């Protein structure tokens, strides 16, 4: 990891941070204060940022690439809860606030770059910036609501319904995600996903 102010691409990274969904309305002075806490990590496919059960947690701002949030059962079965792409955040803020272990892992789906900082430092920064804190906590709740809706979808909709819902809500992600990862997220085989994807294209030509 490299401190932001020492990174050779710091100007590009600052631009990317200014476009982040949570940070985009931060004033220049506050952004400069935040940057002092950030380290930049370049990830390979499959790198783990957070392990389920960890107590040391961080706040992540996705600069490039794709991350996934995963929960694992005792028998090692995995479920993908969500994906995060550039301009998104990833966090275990709720668990940190509740003083519980991380309930999921966060890993890179592709080569990726993130800006990261300890959640304690992020929470202290939020306390100084109440408007940012309100919008961030709203985003955390929105993500939790989306994950709940996705979990219900897996139980309530058949395979075509799951694909149609994903296309309706996340069309921009459909071509970005590796087929194997998207299939796992939708609880489908890659072959079934390919067939349904082809059928969808034929219907909407």
N, C-alpha and C. Protein backbone atom coordinates (compact mmCIF):
# COMPACT_ATOMS: atom_id res chain seq x y z
N UNK A 1 0.84 -1.20 0.00
CA UNK A 1 0.00 0.00 0.00
C UNK A 1 0.87 1.24 0.00
N UNK A 2 0.33 2.31 -0.58
CA UNK A 2 1.05 3.57 -0.68
C UNK A 2 0.16 4.71 -0.19
N UNK A 3 0.70 5.57 0.66
CA UNK A 3 -0.05 6.75 1.08
C UNK A 3 -0.43 7.57 -0.14
N UNK A 4 -1.63 8.12 -0.15
CA UNK A 4 -2.11 8.84 -1.32
C UNK A 4 -1.16 9.95 -1.75
N UNK A 5 -0.66 10.74 -0.81
CA UNK A 5 0.17 11.89 -1.18
C UNK A 5 1.54 11.48 -1.74
N UNK A 6 1.89 10.20 -1.61
CA UNK A 6 3.15 9.71 -2.16
C UNK A 6 2.95 8.84 -3.40
N UNK A 7 1.70 8.68 -3.80
CA UNK A 7 1.41 7.80 -4.94
C UNK A 7 1.74 8.49 -6.26
N UNK A 8 2.37 7.79 -7.21
CA UNK A 8 2.73 8.43 -8.49
C UNK A 8 1.51 8.87 -9.31
N UNK A 9 0.34 8.30 -9.04
CA UNK A 9 -0.87 8.69 -9.77
C UNK A 9 -1.83 9.45 -8.87
N UNK A 10 -1.29 10.22 -7.94
CA UNK A 10 -2.13 10.88 -6.94
C UNK A 10 -3.14 11.84 -7.56
N UNK A 11 -2.79 12.49 -8.67
CA UNK A 11 -3.74 13.45 -9.27
C UNK A 11 -4.94 12.73 -9.86
N UNK A 12 -4.70 11.60 -10.53
CA UNK A 12 -5.81 10.79 -11.07
C UNK A 12 -6.66 10.27 -9.92
N UNK A 13 -6.03 9.78 -8.88
CA UNK A 13 -6.76 9.22 -7.75
C UNK A 13 -7.61 10.29 -7.07
N UNK A 14 -7.09 11.49 -6.95
CA UNK A 14 -7.88 12.58 -6.36
C UNK A 14 -9.12 12.89 -7.20
N UNK A 15 -8.96 12.84 -8.52
CA UNK A 15 -10.11 13.03 -9.40
C UNK A 15 -11.14 11.92 -9.19
N UNK A 16 -10.67 10.69 -9.10
CA UNK A 16 -11.58 9.56 -8.89
C UNK A 16 -12.31 9.67 -7.55
N UNK A 17 -11.60 10.10 -6.52
CA UNK A 17 -12.24 10.26 -5.22
C UNK A 17 -13.31 11.34 -5.26
N UNK A 18 -13.06 12.40 -6.01
CA UNK A 18 -14.04 13.50 -6.11
C UNK A 18 -15.32 13.05 -6.82
N UNK A 19 -15.26 11.91 -7.53
CA UNK A 19 -16.43 11.39 -8.23
C UNK A 19 -17.11 10.26 -7.47
N UNK A 20 -16.57 9.92 -6.30
CA UNK A 20 -17.14 8.82 -5.52
C UNK A 20 -18.55 9.16 -5.06
N UNK A 21 -19.42 8.17 -5.02
CA UNK A 21 -20.83 8.39 -4.70
C UNK A 21 -21.04 9.04 -3.34
N UNK A 22 -20.16 8.79 -2.39
CA UNK A 22 -20.29 9.36 -1.05
C UNK A 22 -19.52 10.66 -0.90
N UNK A 23 -18.39 10.77 -1.58
CA UNK A 23 -17.47 11.90 -1.36
C UNK A 23 -17.68 13.06 -2.33
N UNK A 24 -18.53 12.90 -3.33
CA UNK A 24 -18.58 13.87 -4.43
C UNK A 24 -18.97 15.29 -4.01
N UNK A 25 -19.64 15.43 -2.87
CA UNK A 25 -20.04 16.78 -2.43
C UNK A 25 -19.15 17.34 -1.32
N UNK A 26 -18.05 16.63 -1.06
CA UNK A 26 -17.13 17.09 -0.01
C UNK A 26 -16.35 18.32 -0.50
N UNK A 27 -16.22 19.35 0.35
CA UNK A 27 -15.50 20.55 -0.08
C UNK A 27 -13.99 20.27 -0.11
N UNK A 28 -13.23 21.07 -0.85
CA UNK A 28 -11.80 20.80 -1.04
C UNK A 28 -11.01 20.68 0.27
N UNK A 29 -11.33 21.51 1.25
CA UNK A 29 -10.61 21.45 2.52
C UNK A 29 -10.83 20.14 3.24
N UNK A 30 -12.11 19.71 3.28
CA UNK A 30 -12.43 18.44 3.93
C UNK A 30 -11.81 17.27 3.18
N UNK A 31 -11.82 17.34 1.84
CA UNK A 31 -11.22 16.28 1.04
C UNK A 31 -9.73 16.18 1.33
N UNK A 32 -9.07 17.31 1.46
CA UNK A 32 -7.64 17.31 1.77
C UNK A 32 -7.38 16.65 3.13
N UNK A 33 -8.25 16.94 4.10
CA UNK A 33 -8.12 16.32 5.42
C UNK A 33 -8.30 14.80 5.33
N UNK A 34 -9.28 14.39 4.52
CA UNK A 34 -9.54 12.95 4.36
C UNK A 34 -8.36 12.25 3.69
N UNK A 35 -7.79 12.89 2.67
CA UNK A 35 -6.70 12.28 1.90
C UNK A 35 -5.51 11.92 2.78
N UNK A 36 -5.31 12.67 3.86
CA UNK A 36 -4.19 12.39 4.76
C UNK A 36 -4.31 11.02 5.42
N UNK A 37 -5.53 10.47 5.46
CA UNK A 37 -5.76 9.17 6.11
C UNK A 37 -5.75 8.01 5.11
N UNK A 38 -5.75 8.30 3.82
CA UNK A 38 -5.98 7.26 2.82
C UNK A 38 -4.69 6.59 2.35
N UNK A 39 -4.78 5.29 2.18
CA UNK A 39 -3.73 4.52 1.53
C UNK A 39 -4.33 3.87 0.30
N UNK A 40 -3.50 3.70 -0.73
CA UNK A 40 -3.97 3.14 -2.00
C UNK A 40 -3.46 1.71 -2.12
N UNK A 41 -4.36 0.79 -2.41
CA UNK A 41 -4.00 -0.62 -2.56
C UNK A 41 -4.38 -1.09 -3.96
N UNK A 42 -3.44 -1.70 -4.64
CA UNK A 42 -3.69 -2.33 -5.94
C UNK A 42 -3.87 -3.82 -5.71
N UNK A 43 -4.99 -4.36 -6.17
CA UNK A 43 -5.39 -5.73 -5.87
C UNK A 43 -5.34 -6.61 -7.10
N UNK A 44 -4.98 -7.85 -6.89
CA UNK A 44 -5.08 -8.87 -7.93
C UNK A 44 -6.45 -9.54 -7.81
N UNK A 45 -6.87 -10.18 -8.87
CA UNK A 45 -8.11 -10.95 -8.83
C UNK A 45 -8.05 -11.96 -7.69
N UNK A 46 -9.07 -11.95 -6.84
CA UNK A 46 -9.15 -12.91 -5.75
C UNK A 46 -8.56 -12.44 -4.44
N UNK A 47 -7.91 -11.28 -4.43
CA UNK A 47 -7.35 -10.76 -3.17
C UNK A 47 -8.47 -10.47 -2.17
N UNK A 48 -8.21 -10.76 -0.89
CA UNK A 48 -9.19 -10.55 0.16
C UNK A 48 -8.86 -9.26 0.92
N UNK A 49 -9.82 -8.35 0.97
CA UNK A 49 -9.66 -7.12 1.74
C UNK A 49 -10.12 -7.30 3.19
N UNK A 50 -11.18 -8.06 3.36
CA UNK A 50 -11.76 -8.29 4.68
C UNK A 50 -12.18 -9.75 4.78
N UNK A 51 -11.82 -10.41 5.87
CA UNK A 51 -12.23 -11.79 6.11
C UNK A 51 -13.44 -11.81 7.05
N UNK A 52 -14.40 -12.64 6.73
CA UNK A 52 -15.54 -12.84 7.61
C UNK A 52 -15.02 -13.23 9.00
N UNK A 53 -15.48 -12.54 10.03
CA UNK A 53 -15.01 -12.82 11.39
C UNK A 53 -13.95 -11.85 11.88
N UNK A 54 -13.40 -11.02 10.98
CA UNK A 54 -12.38 -10.04 11.39
C UNK A 54 -12.97 -8.99 12.33
N UNK A 55 -12.13 -8.46 13.19
CA UNK A 55 -12.52 -7.34 14.05
C UNK A 55 -11.82 -6.04 13.65
N UNK A 56 -10.71 -6.16 12.92
CA UNK A 56 -10.03 -4.98 12.38
C UNK A 56 -10.66 -4.66 11.03
N UNK A 57 -11.32 -3.52 10.92
CA UNK A 57 -12.10 -3.22 9.72
C UNK A 57 -11.70 -1.88 9.13
N UNK A 58 -11.97 -1.75 7.83
CA UNK A 58 -11.61 -0.54 7.11
C UNK A 58 -12.77 -0.06 6.24
N UNK A 59 -12.66 1.19 5.84
CA UNK A 59 -13.56 1.80 4.86
C UNK A 59 -12.85 1.79 3.52
N UNK A 60 -13.59 1.41 2.46
CA UNK A 60 -13.00 1.32 1.12
C UNK A 60 -13.76 2.21 0.13
N UNK A 61 -13.00 2.90 -0.72
CA UNK A 61 -13.54 3.66 -1.83
C UNK A 61 -12.98 3.01 -3.10
N UNK A 62 -13.87 2.51 -3.95
CA UNK A 62 -13.43 1.76 -5.13
C UNK A 62 -13.04 2.75 -6.22
N UNK A 63 -11.80 2.64 -6.68
CA UNK A 63 -11.27 3.53 -7.73
C UNK A 63 -11.34 2.88 -9.10
N UNK A 64 -11.01 1.59 -9.15
CA UNK A 64 -11.05 0.83 -10.41
C UNK A 64 -11.39 -0.61 -10.08
N UNK A 65 -11.95 -1.32 -11.08
CA UNK A 65 -12.19 -2.74 -10.90
C UNK A 65 -13.49 -3.04 -10.17
N UNK A 66 -13.63 -4.31 -9.77
CA UNK A 66 -14.87 -4.79 -9.15
C UNK A 66 -14.54 -5.56 -7.88
N UNK A 67 -15.28 -5.26 -6.81
CA UNK A 67 -15.22 -6.02 -5.56
C UNK A 67 -16.52 -6.78 -5.36
N UNK A 68 -16.47 -7.79 -4.49
CA UNK A 68 -17.70 -8.50 -4.11
C UNK A 68 -17.73 -8.69 -2.61
N UNK A 69 -18.93 -8.70 -2.08
CA UNK A 69 -19.17 -8.99 -0.67
C UNK A 69 -19.71 -10.41 -0.60
N UNK A 70 -19.09 -11.26 0.22
CA UNK A 70 -19.41 -12.68 0.26
C UNK A 70 -19.67 -13.12 1.70
N UNK A 71 -20.66 -13.99 1.87
CA UNK A 71 -20.88 -14.62 3.17
C UNK A 71 -20.69 -16.12 3.00
N UNK A 72 -20.02 -16.74 3.96
CA UNK A 72 -19.72 -18.17 3.89
C UNK A 72 -20.39 -18.90 5.05
N UNK A 73 -20.89 -20.10 4.77
CA UNK A 73 -21.49 -20.93 5.81
C UNK A 73 -20.42 -21.81 6.45
N UNK A 74 -20.81 -22.50 7.51
CA UNK A 74 -19.87 -23.36 8.22
C UNK A 74 -19.33 -24.48 7.33
N UNK A 75 -20.11 -24.91 6.34
CA UNK A 75 -19.66 -25.97 5.43
C UNK A 75 -19.03 -25.40 4.16
N UNK A 76 -18.60 -24.13 4.24
CA UNK A 76 -17.82 -23.48 3.17
C UNK A 76 -18.62 -23.13 1.92
N UNK A 77 -19.94 -23.14 2.00
CA UNK A 77 -20.74 -22.66 0.88
C UNK A 77 -20.73 -21.13 0.90
N UNK A 78 -20.63 -20.54 -0.28
CA UNK A 78 -20.54 -19.08 -0.38
C UNK A 78 -21.73 -18.49 -1.10
N UNK A 79 -22.10 -17.29 -0.68
CA UNK A 79 -23.15 -16.53 -1.34
C UNK A 79 -22.62 -15.13 -1.57
N UNK A 80 -22.74 -14.64 -2.80
CA UNK A 80 -22.34 -13.27 -3.12
C UNK A 80 -23.50 -12.34 -2.79
N UNK A 81 -23.24 -11.36 -1.94
CA UNK A 81 -24.29 -10.44 -1.50
C UNK A 81 -24.42 -9.22 -2.40
N UNK A 82 -23.30 -8.72 -2.91
CA UNK A 82 -23.34 -7.55 -3.78
C UNK A 82 -22.00 -7.38 -4.47
N UNK A 83 -22.01 -6.55 -5.52
CA UNK A 83 -20.79 -6.13 -6.21
C UNK A 83 -20.62 -4.63 -6.02
N UNK A 84 -19.36 -4.18 -6.03
CA UNK A 84 -19.06 -2.74 -5.98
C UNK A 84 -18.07 -2.44 -7.09
N UNK A 85 -18.35 -1.37 -7.84
CA UNK A 85 -17.48 -0.96 -8.94
C UNK A 85 -16.96 0.45 -8.68
N UNK A 86 -16.20 0.99 -9.63
CA UNK A 86 -15.64 2.33 -9.44
C UNK A 86 -16.74 3.33 -9.10
N UNK A 87 -16.41 4.25 -8.21
CA UNK A 87 -17.29 5.28 -7.64
C UNK A 87 -18.15 4.75 -6.50
N UNK A 88 -18.11 3.41 -6.24
CA UNK A 88 -18.85 2.83 -5.13
C UNK A 88 -17.99 2.81 -3.87
N UNK A 89 -18.63 2.45 -2.76
CA UNK A 89 -17.92 2.20 -1.52
C UNK A 89 -18.08 0.74 -1.13
N UNK A 90 -17.20 0.27 -0.25
CA UNK A 90 -17.42 -0.98 0.48
C UNK A 90 -17.05 -0.71 1.93
N UNK A 91 -17.78 -1.37 2.83
CA UNK A 91 -17.63 -1.06 4.25
C UNK A 91 -18.21 -2.17 5.09
N UNK A 92 -17.80 -2.21 6.35
CA UNK A 92 -18.44 -3.06 7.36
C UNK A 92 -18.79 -2.16 8.55
N UNK A 93 -19.23 -0.96 8.22
CA UNK A 93 -19.49 0.10 9.20
C UNK A 93 -20.51 -0.33 10.25
N UNK A 94 -21.58 -0.99 9.83
CA UNK A 94 -22.62 -1.39 10.80
C UNK A 94 -22.05 -2.35 11.83
N UNK A 95 -21.27 -3.33 11.38
CA UNK A 95 -20.66 -4.28 12.32
C UNK A 95 -19.69 -3.57 13.26
N UNK A 96 -18.93 -2.63 12.71
CA UNK A 96 -17.98 -1.88 13.53
C UNK A 96 -18.69 -1.08 14.62
N UNK A 97 -19.78 -0.42 14.22
CA UNK A 97 -20.54 0.37 15.19
C UNK A 97 -21.15 -0.52 16.27
N UNK A 98 -21.57 -1.72 15.89
CA UNK A 98 -22.18 -2.66 16.83
C UNK A 98 -21.15 -3.43 17.64
N UNK A 99 -19.85 -3.21 17.30
CA UNK A 99 -18.74 -3.91 17.97
C UNK A 99 -18.84 -5.43 17.82
N UNK A 100 -19.25 -5.85 16.62
CA UNK A 100 -19.31 -7.28 16.31
C UNK A 100 -18.29 -7.60 15.21
N UNK A 101 -18.03 -8.87 15.01
CA UNK A 101 -17.11 -9.29 13.96
C UNK A 101 -17.73 -9.03 12.59
N UNK A 102 -16.87 -8.89 11.60
CA UNK A 102 -17.36 -8.69 10.23
C UNK A 102 -18.22 -9.87 9.81
N UNK A 103 -19.46 -9.64 9.37
CA UNK A 103 -20.36 -10.76 9.03
C UNK A 103 -20.15 -11.30 7.62
N UNK A 104 -19.21 -10.73 6.87
CA UNK A 104 -18.96 -11.15 5.50
C UNK A 104 -17.52 -10.82 5.13
N UNK A 105 -17.09 -11.36 4.00
CA UNK A 105 -15.78 -11.04 3.45
C UNK A 105 -15.95 -10.06 2.30
N UNK A 106 -14.87 -9.35 1.98
CA UNK A 106 -14.84 -8.48 0.80
C UNK A 106 -13.61 -8.88 -0.01
N UNK A 107 -13.82 -9.17 -1.30
CA UNK A 107 -12.72 -9.66 -2.15
C UNK A 107 -12.80 -8.99 -3.51
N UNK A 108 -11.68 -9.03 -4.22
CA UNK A 108 -11.65 -8.46 -5.57
C UNK A 108 -12.10 -9.51 -6.59
N UNK A 109 -12.98 -9.10 -7.47
CA UNK A 109 -13.45 -9.97 -8.57
C UNK A 109 -12.48 -9.87 -9.74
N UNK A 110 -11.95 -8.69 -9.95
CA UNK A 110 -11.02 -8.41 -11.03
C UNK A 110 -9.81 -7.69 -10.44
N UNK A 111 -8.84 -7.41 -11.26
CA UNK A 111 -7.79 -6.48 -10.85
C UNK A 111 -8.48 -5.18 -10.43
N UNK A 112 -8.07 -4.63 -9.30
CA UNK A 112 -8.80 -3.48 -8.76
C UNK A 112 -7.86 -2.56 -7.99
N UNK A 113 -8.34 -1.34 -7.77
CA UNK A 113 -7.60 -0.37 -6.94
C UNK A 113 -8.60 0.27 -5.99
N UNK A 114 -8.22 0.35 -4.72
CA UNK A 114 -9.09 0.98 -3.73
C UNK A 114 -8.29 1.97 -2.89
N UNK A 115 -8.99 2.99 -2.39
CA UNK A 115 -8.45 3.84 -1.33
C UNK A 115 -9.05 3.32 -0.03
N UNK A 116 -8.22 3.17 1.00
CA UNK A 116 -8.68 2.53 2.23
C UNK A 116 -8.20 3.31 3.45
N UNK A 117 -8.95 3.18 4.54
CA UNK A 117 -8.57 3.80 5.81
C UNK A 117 -9.25 3.03 6.93
N UNK A 118 -8.70 3.04 8.15
CA UNK A 118 -9.35 2.35 9.27
C UNK A 118 -10.73 2.93 9.54
N UNK A 119 -11.68 2.06 9.89
CA UNK A 119 -13.03 2.54 10.15
C UNK A 119 -13.08 3.49 11.34
N UNK A 120 -12.21 3.32 12.30
CA UNK A 120 -12.19 4.25 13.44
C UNK A 120 -11.88 5.66 12.96
N UNK A 121 -10.89 5.79 12.07
CA UNK A 121 -10.53 7.12 11.54
C UNK A 121 -11.66 7.67 10.67
N UNK A 122 -12.31 6.81 9.91
CA UNK A 122 -13.44 7.23 9.07
C UNK A 122 -14.60 7.72 9.94
N UNK A 123 -14.90 7.00 11.01
CA UNK A 123 -15.99 7.41 11.90
C UNK A 123 -15.68 8.75 12.56
N UNK A 124 -14.43 8.95 12.95
CA UNK A 124 -14.04 10.23 13.55
C UNK A 124 -14.17 11.36 12.53
N UNK A 125 -13.82 11.08 11.28
CA UNK A 125 -13.97 12.08 10.22
C UNK A 125 -15.45 12.41 10.00
N UNK A 126 -16.30 11.38 10.01
CA UNK A 126 -17.74 11.60 9.84
C UNK A 126 -18.31 12.47 10.95
N UNK A 127 -17.83 12.28 12.17
CA UNK A 127 -18.35 13.06 13.29
C UNK A 127 -18.07 14.56 13.11
N UNK A 128 -17.02 14.89 12.39
CA UNK A 128 -16.68 16.29 12.14
C UNK A 128 -17.49 16.85 10.97
N UNK A 129 -18.05 15.95 10.15
CA UNK A 129 -18.78 16.36 8.94
C UNK A 129 -20.18 15.71 8.96
N UNK A 130 -21.11 16.29 9.72
CA UNK A 130 -22.42 15.65 9.93
C UNK A 130 -23.23 15.45 8.66
N UNK A 131 -23.12 16.34 7.68
CA UNK A 131 -23.88 16.15 6.43
C UNK A 131 -23.36 14.93 5.69
N UNK A 132 -22.04 14.78 5.65
CA UNK A 132 -21.44 13.59 5.04
C UNK A 132 -21.85 12.34 5.80
N UNK A 133 -21.86 12.42 7.12
CA UNK A 133 -22.23 11.27 7.94
C UNK A 133 -23.65 10.83 7.64
N UNK A 134 -24.55 11.78 7.49
CA UNK A 134 -25.94 11.46 7.20
C UNK A 134 -26.07 10.77 5.84
N UNK A 135 -25.38 11.29 4.83
CA UNK A 135 -25.48 10.69 3.49
C UNK A 135 -24.80 9.33 3.45
N UNK A 136 -23.68 9.17 4.16
CA UNK A 136 -22.99 7.89 4.21
C UNK A 136 -23.85 6.83 4.90
N UNK A 137 -24.43 7.17 6.05
CA UNK A 137 -25.25 6.20 6.76
C UNK A 137 -26.50 5.85 5.97
N UNK A 138 -27.03 6.80 5.20
CA UNK A 138 -28.15 6.50 4.31
C UNK A 138 -27.70 5.49 3.24
N UNK A 139 -26.49 5.69 2.70
CA UNK A 139 -25.97 4.76 1.69
C UNK A 139 -25.78 3.37 2.28
N UNK A 140 -25.29 3.27 3.51
CA UNK A 140 -25.14 1.97 4.16
C UNK A 140 -26.49 1.28 4.30
N UNK A 141 -27.51 2.03 4.70
CA UNK A 141 -28.86 1.45 4.82
C UNK A 141 -29.40 1.04 3.46
N UNK A 142 -29.13 1.84 2.43
CA UNK A 142 -29.61 1.50 1.09
C UNK A 142 -28.98 0.20 0.61
N UNK A 143 -27.69 0.04 0.85
CA UNK A 143 -27.02 -1.19 0.44
C UNK A 143 -27.56 -2.39 1.20
N UNK A 144 -27.83 -2.23 2.48
CA UNK A 144 -28.40 -3.33 3.26
C UNK A 144 -29.79 -3.70 2.73
N UNK A 145 -30.56 -2.70 2.34
CA UNK A 145 -31.89 -2.95 1.78
C UNK A 145 -31.79 -3.69 0.45
N UNK A 146 -30.82 -3.30 -0.38
CA UNK A 146 -30.63 -3.98 -1.66
C UNK A 146 -30.23 -5.44 -1.46
N UNK A 147 -29.38 -5.68 -0.49
CA UNK A 147 -28.96 -7.06 -0.21
C UNK A 147 -30.14 -7.89 0.27
N UNK A 148 -30.98 -7.32 1.12
CA UNK A 148 -32.18 -8.01 1.58
C UNK A 148 -33.09 -8.35 0.40
N UNK A 149 -33.28 -7.39 -0.51
CA UNK A 149 -34.13 -7.62 -1.67
C UNK A 149 -33.55 -8.72 -2.56
N UNK A 150 -32.22 -8.72 -2.71
CA UNK A 150 -31.57 -9.76 -3.52
C UNK A 150 -31.78 -11.14 -2.89
N UNK A 151 -31.63 -11.24 -1.58
CA UNK A 151 -31.81 -12.52 -0.89
C UNK A 151 -33.23 -13.04 -1.06
N UNK A 152 -34.21 -12.14 -0.96
CA UNK A 152 -35.60 -12.53 -1.17
C UNK A 152 -35.81 -13.00 -2.60
N UNK A 153 -35.18 -12.28 -3.55
CA UNK A 153 -35.31 -12.62 -4.97
C UNK A 153 -34.85 -14.05 -5.24
N UNK A 154 -33.77 -14.47 -4.61
CA UNK A 154 -33.25 -15.82 -4.84
C UNK A 154 -34.26 -16.89 -4.43
N UNK A 155 -35.09 -16.57 -3.44
CA UNK A 155 -36.08 -17.53 -2.96
C UNK A 155 -37.42 -17.42 -3.68
N UNK A 156 -37.74 -16.25 -4.18
CA UNK A 156 -39.09 -16.01 -4.70
C UNK A 156 -39.20 -16.10 -6.22
N UNK A 157 -38.11 -15.82 -6.95
CA UNK A 157 -38.17 -15.78 -8.41
C UNK A 157 -37.50 -16.99 -9.03
N UNK A 158 -38.03 -17.42 -10.18
CA UNK A 158 -37.37 -18.50 -10.92
C UNK A 158 -36.16 -17.93 -11.66
N UNK A 159 -35.42 -18.79 -12.36
CA UNK A 159 -34.18 -18.37 -13.02
C UNK A 159 -34.40 -17.20 -14.00
N UNK A 160 -35.39 -17.29 -14.91
CA UNK A 160 -35.61 -16.15 -15.82
C UNK A 160 -35.96 -14.87 -15.08
N UNK A 161 -36.73 -15.00 -14.00
CA UNK A 161 -37.12 -13.83 -13.22
C UNK A 161 -35.93 -13.17 -12.57
N UNK A 162 -34.99 -13.98 -12.07
CA UNK A 162 -33.79 -13.44 -11.45
C UNK A 162 -32.95 -12.66 -12.46
N UNK A 163 -32.81 -13.23 -13.66
CA UNK A 163 -32.02 -12.55 -14.70
C UNK A 163 -32.71 -11.27 -15.14
N UNK A 164 -34.02 -11.31 -15.33
CA UNK A 164 -34.75 -10.13 -15.76
C UNK A 164 -34.65 -9.01 -14.72
N UNK A 165 -34.75 -9.38 -13.44
CA UNK A 165 -34.65 -8.36 -12.39
C UNK A 165 -33.26 -7.73 -12.40
N UNK A 166 -32.22 -8.56 -12.54
CA UNK A 166 -30.87 -8.01 -12.55
C UNK A 166 -30.69 -7.06 -13.73
N UNK A 167 -31.18 -7.45 -14.89
CA UNK A 167 -31.06 -6.60 -16.08
C UNK A 167 -31.81 -5.29 -15.90
N UNK A 168 -32.95 -5.35 -15.24
CA UNK A 168 -33.76 -4.15 -15.03
C UNK A 168 -33.07 -3.18 -14.08
N UNK A 169 -32.42 -3.71 -13.03
CA UNK A 169 -31.83 -2.86 -12.00
C UNK A 169 -30.36 -2.54 -12.25
N UNK A 170 -29.63 -3.46 -12.88
CA UNK A 170 -28.18 -3.32 -12.99
C UNK A 170 -27.67 -3.60 -14.40
N UNK A 171 -28.35 -3.08 -15.40
CA UNK A 171 -27.97 -3.31 -16.79
C UNK A 171 -26.49 -2.98 -17.03
N UNK A 172 -26.01 -1.91 -16.40
CA UNK A 172 -24.63 -1.47 -16.60
C UNK A 172 -23.61 -2.49 -16.11
N UNK A 173 -24.02 -3.37 -15.19
CA UNK A 173 -23.10 -4.37 -14.65
C UNK A 173 -23.07 -5.65 -15.48
N UNK A 174 -24.07 -5.84 -16.32
CA UNK A 174 -24.26 -7.14 -16.96
C UNK A 174 -23.06 -7.54 -17.81
N UNK A 175 -22.50 -6.59 -18.55
CA UNK A 175 -21.36 -6.91 -19.41
C UNK A 175 -20.02 -6.77 -18.67
N UNK A 176 -20.01 -6.09 -17.54
CA UNK A 176 -18.76 -5.89 -16.80
C UNK A 176 -18.36 -7.12 -15.99
N UNK A 177 -19.36 -7.83 -15.45
CA UNK A 177 -19.07 -8.92 -14.53
C UNK A 177 -18.65 -10.20 -15.26
N UNK A 178 -17.65 -10.89 -14.76
CA UNK A 178 -17.34 -12.23 -15.31
C UNK A 178 -18.57 -13.12 -15.19
N UNK A 179 -18.82 -13.91 -16.23
CA UNK A 179 -20.04 -14.73 -16.27
C UNK A 179 -20.15 -15.65 -15.06
N UNK A 180 -19.02 -16.22 -14.65
CA UNK A 180 -19.04 -17.15 -13.50
C UNK A 180 -19.48 -16.44 -12.23
N UNK A 181 -19.02 -15.20 -12.03
CA UNK A 181 -19.39 -14.44 -10.82
C UNK A 181 -20.86 -14.06 -10.84
N UNK A 182 -21.35 -13.60 -11.99
CA UNK A 182 -22.75 -13.21 -12.09
C UNK A 182 -23.65 -14.42 -11.90
N UNK A 183 -23.27 -15.55 -12.49
CA UNK A 183 -24.05 -16.78 -12.33
C UNK A 183 -24.13 -17.17 -10.86
N UNK A 184 -23.01 -17.08 -10.14
CA UNK A 184 -23.01 -17.42 -8.72
C UNK A 184 -23.90 -16.46 -7.93
N UNK A 185 -23.86 -15.18 -8.27
CA UNK A 185 -24.69 -14.18 -7.59
C UNK A 185 -26.17 -14.49 -7.77
N UNK A 186 -26.54 -14.96 -8.96
CA UNK A 186 -27.94 -15.25 -9.27
C UNK A 186 -28.32 -16.70 -8.96
N UNK A 187 -27.37 -17.46 -8.40
CA UNK A 187 -27.58 -18.87 -8.05
C UNK A 187 -28.00 -19.68 -9.28
N UNK A 188 -27.25 -19.48 -10.37
CA UNK A 188 -27.48 -20.20 -11.62
C UNK A 188 -26.18 -20.85 -12.08
N UNK A 189 -26.28 -21.81 -12.97
CA UNK A 189 -25.09 -22.32 -13.63
C UNK A 189 -24.69 -21.33 -14.72
N UNK A 190 -23.40 -21.25 -15.06
CA UNK A 190 -22.99 -20.37 -16.17
C UNK A 190 -23.72 -20.68 -17.46
N UNK A 191 -24.01 -21.97 -17.70
CA UNK A 191 -24.71 -22.37 -18.94
C UNK A 191 -26.14 -21.82 -18.96
N UNK A 192 -26.82 -21.91 -17.81
CA UNK A 192 -28.19 -21.37 -17.73
C UNK A 192 -28.18 -19.87 -17.92
N UNK A 193 -27.22 -19.19 -17.32
CA UNK A 193 -27.13 -17.74 -17.48
C UNK A 193 -26.91 -17.37 -18.94
N UNK A 194 -26.02 -18.09 -19.64
CA UNK A 194 -25.76 -17.80 -21.05
C UNK A 194 -27.02 -17.98 -21.88
N UNK A 195 -27.75 -19.05 -21.61
CA UNK A 195 -28.98 -19.32 -22.36
C UNK A 195 -30.01 -18.22 -22.13
N UNK A 196 -30.19 -17.81 -20.89
CA UNK A 196 -31.17 -16.78 -20.58
C UNK A 196 -30.74 -15.41 -21.10
N UNK A 197 -29.44 -15.17 -21.08
CA UNK A 197 -28.92 -13.91 -21.62
C UNK A 197 -29.18 -13.84 -23.12
N UNK A 198 -28.94 -14.94 -23.84
CA UNK A 198 -29.19 -14.98 -25.28
C UNK A 198 -30.67 -14.78 -25.57
N UNK A 199 -31.52 -15.44 -24.78
CA UNK A 199 -32.97 -15.32 -24.96
C UNK A 199 -33.42 -13.88 -24.74
N UNK A 200 -32.85 -13.23 -23.73
CA UNK A 200 -33.21 -11.84 -23.44
C UNK A 200 -32.83 -10.94 -24.62
N UNK A 201 -31.64 -11.15 -25.19
CA UNK A 201 -31.22 -10.32 -26.32
C UNK A 201 -32.14 -10.52 -27.52
N UNK A 202 -32.58 -11.75 -27.74
CA UNK A 202 -33.47 -12.02 -28.87
C UNK A 202 -34.82 -11.34 -28.69
N UNK A 203 -35.28 -11.27 -27.45
CA UNK A 203 -36.58 -10.65 -27.17
C UNK A 203 -36.53 -9.15 -27.36
N UNK A 204 -35.37 -8.54 -27.15
CA UNK A 204 -35.29 -7.08 -27.14
C UNK A 204 -34.51 -6.52 -28.33
N UNK A 205 -34.31 -7.34 -29.35
CA UNK A 205 -33.66 -6.83 -30.59
C UNK A 205 -34.63 -5.89 -31.29
